[in-house]
Amino acid sequence: MLGPSIGPENYEVGPEFVQRFVEADPANQDYFTPSKQAGHAMFDLNRYTVERLLRAGVAASAIGRCTYADEASFFSYRRATHRKEPDYGRQISAIVLEDR
């Protein structure tokens, strides 16, 4: 299960980011949608991560919680930077491997 992470409606990336992903695999273009800012794109990190895991044979899904949008529950460096806040708090993630 992919935990909280930035959602596609809030993860804007520059053209160099898109270029590297698409050069690595042209099918990666599917994870980007146009941004309001010319030359930029919105990246669907959740879908990209889950689909990569599934292709690798790992059972995966996402809980669909956006760390940027849900400020009551999560810290976000990107959100704090956009707002020019002095600090952004801290959070930690963990990976758990289970034998089934």
N, C-alpha and C. Protein backbone atom coordinates (compact mmCIF):
# COMPACT_ATOMS: atom_id res chain seq x y z
N MET A 1 0.85 -1.17 0.00
CA MET A 1 0.00 0.00 0.00
C MET A 1 0.90 1.23 0.00
N LEU A 2 0.70 2.08 -1.00
CA LEU A 2 1.44 3.34 -1.07
C LEU A 2 0.74 4.34 -0.16
N GLY A 3 1.48 4.83 0.79
CA GLY A 3 0.92 5.77 1.76
C GLY A 3 0.77 7.16 1.19
N PRO A 4 0.56 8.12 2.05
CA PRO A 4 0.36 9.50 1.62
C PRO A 4 1.57 10.02 0.85
N SER A 5 1.29 10.75 -0.21
CA SER A 5 2.33 11.44 -0.99
C SER A 5 1.65 12.54 -1.78
N ILE A 6 2.43 13.37 -2.40
CA ILE A 6 1.86 14.49 -3.13
C ILE A 6 1.00 13.98 -4.28
N GLY A 7 -0.16 14.58 -4.46
CA GLY A 7 -1.09 14.15 -5.50
C GLY A 7 -0.84 14.85 -6.83
N PRO A 8 -1.39 14.31 -7.90
CA PRO A 8 -1.13 14.83 -9.24
C PRO A 8 -1.64 16.25 -9.46
N GLU A 9 -2.60 16.68 -8.68
CA GLU A 9 -3.10 18.04 -8.85
C GLU A 9 -2.19 19.08 -8.19
N ASN A 10 -1.17 18.62 -7.45
CA ASN A 10 -0.27 19.52 -6.74
C ASN A 10 1.21 19.32 -7.06
N TYR A 11 1.53 18.34 -7.88
CA TYR A 11 2.95 18.05 -8.15
C TYR A 11 3.33 18.59 -9.52
N GLU A 12 3.67 19.86 -9.55
CA GLU A 12 4.10 20.50 -10.79
C GLU A 12 5.60 20.32 -10.96
N VAL A 13 6.00 19.97 -12.18
CA VAL A 13 7.41 19.74 -12.48
C VAL A 13 7.79 20.53 -13.73
N GLY A 14 9.09 20.78 -13.85
CA GLY A 14 9.60 21.52 -14.99
C GLY A 14 9.86 20.63 -16.19
N PRO A 15 10.17 21.24 -17.33
CA PRO A 15 10.36 20.49 -18.57
C PRO A 15 11.52 19.50 -18.51
N GLU A 16 12.55 19.80 -17.73
CA GLU A 16 13.69 18.89 -17.63
C GLU A 16 13.30 17.59 -16.95
N PHE A 17 12.38 17.66 -15.99
CA PHE A 17 11.87 16.48 -15.30
C PHE A 17 11.11 15.60 -16.29
N VAL A 18 10.19 16.22 -17.02
CA VAL A 18 9.40 15.48 -18.01
C VAL A 18 10.32 14.85 -19.05
N GLN A 19 11.28 15.61 -19.54
CA GLN A 19 12.19 15.12 -20.57
C GLN A 19 12.94 13.87 -20.13
N ARG A 20 13.47 13.88 -18.91
CA ARG A 20 14.21 12.71 -18.41
C ARG A 20 13.32 11.48 -18.32
N PHE A 21 12.09 11.66 -17.83
CA PHE A 21 11.18 10.52 -17.70
C PHE A 21 10.78 9.97 -19.06
N VAL A 22 10.47 10.84 -19.99
CA VAL A 22 10.02 10.40 -21.31
C VAL A 22 11.18 9.80 -22.11
N GLU A 23 12.38 10.33 -21.93
CA GLU A 23 13.54 9.73 -22.60
C GLU A 23 13.80 8.32 -22.08
N ALA A 24 13.58 8.11 -20.79
CA ALA A 24 13.79 6.78 -20.19
C ALA A 24 12.77 5.78 -20.72
N ASP A 25 11.53 6.24 -20.95
CA ASP A 25 10.48 5.38 -21.47
C ASP A 25 9.38 6.27 -22.03
N PRO A 26 9.18 6.28 -23.35
CA PRO A 26 8.16 7.15 -23.94
C PRO A 26 6.76 6.96 -23.34
N ALA A 27 6.47 5.76 -22.82
CA ALA A 27 5.17 5.52 -22.20
C ALA A 27 4.98 6.35 -20.93
N ASN A 28 6.06 6.85 -20.35
CA ASN A 28 5.97 7.68 -19.15
C ASN A 28 5.22 8.99 -19.40
N GLN A 29 5.05 9.36 -20.65
CA GLN A 29 4.29 10.58 -20.98
C GLN A 29 2.88 10.51 -20.39
N ASP A 30 2.36 9.31 -20.22
CA ASP A 30 1.01 9.13 -19.69
C ASP A 30 0.84 9.64 -18.26
N TYR A 31 1.94 9.84 -17.53
CA TYR A 31 1.87 10.27 -16.14
C TYR A 31 1.88 11.79 -15.99
N PHE A 32 1.90 12.50 -17.10
CA PHE A 32 1.95 13.96 -17.08
C PHE A 32 0.72 14.56 -17.73
N THR A 33 0.24 15.66 -17.16
CA THR A 33 -0.81 16.46 -17.77
C THR A 33 -0.31 17.90 -17.80
N PRO A 34 -0.85 18.71 -18.71
CA PRO A 34 -0.38 20.09 -18.81
C PRO A 34 -0.62 20.87 -17.51
N SER A 35 0.28 21.76 -17.22
CA SER A 35 0.17 22.66 -16.09
C SER A 35 -0.35 24.01 -16.57
N LYS A 36 -0.80 24.83 -15.66
CA LYS A 36 -1.19 26.20 -16.00
C LYS A 36 0.03 27.03 -16.41
N GLN A 37 1.20 26.62 -15.90
CA GLN A 37 2.44 27.33 -16.21
C GLN A 37 3.05 26.75 -17.49
N ALA A 38 3.25 27.60 -18.48
CA ALA A 38 3.79 27.15 -19.77
C ALA A 38 5.09 26.37 -19.60
N GLY A 39 5.17 25.25 -20.31
CA GLY A 39 6.38 24.43 -20.28
C GLY A 39 6.47 23.48 -19.10
N HIS A 40 5.57 23.58 -18.16
CA HIS A 40 5.56 22.72 -16.99
C HIS A 40 4.46 21.67 -17.13
N ALA A 41 4.48 20.70 -16.23
CA ALA A 41 3.48 19.63 -16.26
C ALA A 41 3.16 19.21 -14.84
N MET A 42 2.01 18.58 -14.70
CA MET A 42 1.61 17.99 -13.43
C MET A 42 1.93 16.50 -13.51
N PHE A 43 2.59 15.98 -12.48
CA PHE A 43 3.06 14.60 -12.48
C PHE A 43 2.25 13.76 -11.51
N ASP A 44 1.80 12.60 -11.97
CA ASP A 44 1.03 11.68 -11.13
C ASP A 44 1.98 10.66 -10.50
N LEU A 45 2.63 11.08 -9.44
CA LEU A 45 3.60 10.24 -8.73
C LEU A 45 2.96 8.98 -8.18
N ASN A 46 1.74 9.08 -7.65
CA ASN A 46 1.07 7.92 -7.07
C ASN A 46 0.83 6.84 -8.13
N ARG A 47 0.26 7.23 -9.24
CA ARG A 47 -0.03 6.26 -10.31
C ARG A 47 1.26 5.67 -10.87
N TYR A 48 2.25 6.52 -11.07
CA TYR A 48 3.55 6.06 -11.58
C TYR A 48 4.14 5.00 -10.64
N THR A 49 4.16 5.29 -9.36
CA THR A 49 4.76 4.38 -8.38
C THR A 49 4.01 3.06 -8.32
N VAL A 50 2.69 3.12 -8.22
CA VAL A 50 1.89 1.89 -8.13
C VAL A 50 2.06 1.05 -9.40
N GLU A 51 2.00 1.67 -10.56
CA GLU A 51 2.12 0.90 -11.81
C GLU A 51 3.51 0.31 -11.98
N ARG A 52 4.54 1.00 -11.55
CA ARG A 52 5.90 0.42 -11.60
C ARG A 52 5.99 -0.79 -10.69
N LEU A 53 5.44 -0.69 -9.50
CA LEU A 53 5.45 -1.83 -8.57
C LEU A 53 4.67 -3.01 -9.14
N LEU A 54 3.50 -2.75 -9.72
CA LEU A 54 2.70 -3.82 -10.30
C LEU A 54 3.46 -4.51 -11.44
N ARG A 55 4.12 -3.73 -12.29
CA ARG A 55 4.90 -4.33 -13.39
C ARG A 55 6.07 -5.16 -12.87
N ALA A 56 6.56 -4.83 -11.68
CA ALA A 56 7.66 -5.59 -11.07
C ALA A 56 7.16 -6.81 -10.32
N GLY A 57 5.84 -7.03 -10.32
CA GLY A 57 5.28 -8.20 -9.66
C GLY A 57 4.95 -7.99 -8.19
N VAL A 58 4.93 -6.74 -7.76
CA VAL A 58 4.62 -6.43 -6.37
C VAL A 58 3.14 -6.02 -6.28
N ALA A 59 2.42 -6.61 -5.36
CA ALA A 59 1.03 -6.20 -5.14
C ALA A 59 1.04 -4.78 -4.58
N ALA A 60 0.36 -3.86 -5.25
CA ALA A 60 0.43 -2.47 -4.84
C ALA A 60 -0.88 -1.75 -5.10
N SER A 61 -1.16 -0.79 -4.24
CA SER A 61 -2.28 0.12 -4.41
C SER A 61 -1.92 1.38 -3.64
N ALA A 62 -2.71 2.42 -3.81
CA ALA A 62 -2.44 3.69 -3.13
C ALA A 62 -3.65 4.07 -2.29
N ILE A 63 -3.39 4.72 -1.17
CA ILE A 63 -4.50 5.16 -0.33
C ILE A 63 -5.07 6.49 -0.82
N GLY A 64 -4.35 7.19 -1.69
CA GLY A 64 -4.87 8.40 -2.30
C GLY A 64 -4.95 9.61 -1.40
N ARG A 65 -4.05 9.74 -0.46
CA ARG A 65 -4.03 10.91 0.42
C ARG A 65 -2.89 11.83 -0.01
N CYS A 66 -3.20 13.08 -0.27
CA CYS A 66 -2.23 14.05 -0.75
C CYS A 66 -1.63 14.84 0.40
N THR A 67 -0.32 14.76 0.55
CA THR A 67 0.36 15.46 1.63
C THR A 67 0.34 16.97 1.44
N TYR A 68 0.27 17.42 0.20
CA TYR A 68 0.23 18.86 -0.08
C TYR A 68 -1.14 19.43 0.27
N ALA A 69 -2.19 18.78 -0.15
CA ALA A 69 -3.55 19.30 0.03
C ALA A 69 -4.07 19.16 1.46
N ASP A 70 -3.67 18.10 2.15
CA ASP A 70 -4.22 17.81 3.48
C ASP A 70 -3.30 18.38 4.56
N GLU A 71 -3.35 19.69 4.71
CA GLU A 71 -2.42 20.34 5.64
C GLU A 71 -2.75 20.07 7.11
N ALA A 72 -3.95 19.64 7.40
CA ALA A 72 -4.30 19.30 8.79
C ALA A 72 -3.63 18.00 9.23
N SER A 73 -3.28 17.15 8.26
CA SER A 73 -2.72 15.84 8.60
C SER A 73 -1.24 15.68 8.28
N PHE A 74 -0.73 16.46 7.30
CA PHE A 74 0.63 16.21 6.82
C PHE A 74 1.43 17.50 6.67
N PHE A 75 2.71 17.38 6.94
CA PHE A 75 3.65 18.44 6.60
C PHE A 75 3.96 18.32 5.12
N SER A 76 4.33 19.44 4.50
CA SER A 76 4.71 19.42 3.10
C SER A 76 5.76 20.49 2.85
N TYR A 77 6.95 20.07 2.49
CA TYR A 77 8.01 21.01 2.15
C TYR A 77 7.57 21.88 0.96
N ARG A 78 6.99 21.26 -0.05
CA ARG A 78 6.57 21.99 -1.24
C ARG A 78 5.50 23.04 -0.90
N ARG A 79 4.51 22.66 -0.09
CA ARG A 79 3.47 23.61 0.30
C ARG A 79 4.06 24.77 1.09
N ALA A 80 4.94 24.47 2.05
CA ALA A 80 5.57 25.52 2.85
C ALA A 80 6.42 26.44 1.98
N THR A 81 7.12 25.88 1.02
CA THR A 81 7.94 26.69 0.12
C THR A 81 7.07 27.60 -0.74
N HIS A 82 5.98 27.07 -1.27
CA HIS A 82 5.08 27.89 -2.08
C HIS A 82 4.48 29.05 -1.27
N ARG A 83 4.24 28.81 0.00
CA ARG A 83 3.67 29.84 0.87
C ARG A 83 4.73 30.72 1.52
N LYS A 84 6.01 30.39 1.27
CA LYS A 84 7.14 31.12 1.87
C LYS A 84 7.08 31.08 3.40
N GLU A 85 6.68 29.91 3.94
CA GLU A 85 6.63 29.72 5.38
C GLU A 85 8.03 29.45 5.90
N PRO A 86 8.32 29.84 7.14
CA PRO A 86 9.69 29.69 7.66
C PRO A 86 10.11 28.24 7.93
N ASP A 87 9.16 27.35 8.14
CA ASP A 87 9.50 25.95 8.40
C ASP A 87 8.37 25.09 7.84
N TYR A 88 8.66 23.82 7.67
CA TYR A 88 7.68 22.93 7.05
C TYR A 88 7.41 21.69 7.86
N GLY A 89 7.98 21.55 9.04
CA GLY A 89 7.75 20.38 9.86
C GLY A 89 8.49 19.17 9.31
N ARG A 90 8.25 18.03 9.89
CA ARG A 90 8.94 16.81 9.47
C ARG A 90 7.95 15.65 9.49
N GLN A 91 8.20 14.69 8.64
CA GLN A 91 7.45 13.44 8.67
C GLN A 91 8.38 12.33 8.22
N ILE A 92 7.99 11.12 8.49
CA ILE A 92 8.83 9.98 8.15
C ILE A 92 7.95 8.90 7.52
N SER A 93 8.55 8.14 6.65
CA SER A 93 7.85 7.02 6.03
C SER A 93 8.63 5.75 6.32
N ALA A 94 7.96 4.63 6.20
CA ALA A 94 8.60 3.33 6.42
C ALA A 94 8.16 2.35 5.37
N ILE A 95 9.04 1.45 5.04
CA ILE A 95 8.71 0.37 4.11
C ILE A 95 8.69 -0.92 4.92
N VAL A 96 7.63 -1.69 4.75
CA VAL A 96 7.49 -2.93 5.48
C VAL A 96 7.36 -4.07 4.48
N LEU A 97 8.17 -5.08 4.63
CA LEU A 97 8.10 -6.27 3.81
C LEU A 97 7.47 -7.38 4.64
N GLU A 98 6.46 -8.02 4.09
CA GLU A 98 5.78 -9.07 4.82
C GLU A 98 5.87 -10.38 4.06
N ASP A 99 6.09 -11.45 4.78
CA ASP A 99 6.00 -12.79 4.17
C ASP A 99 4.54 -13.19 4.22
N ARG A 100 4.04 -13.72 3.13
CA ARG A 100 2.63 -14.16 3.11
C ARG A 100 2.55 -15.61 2.81
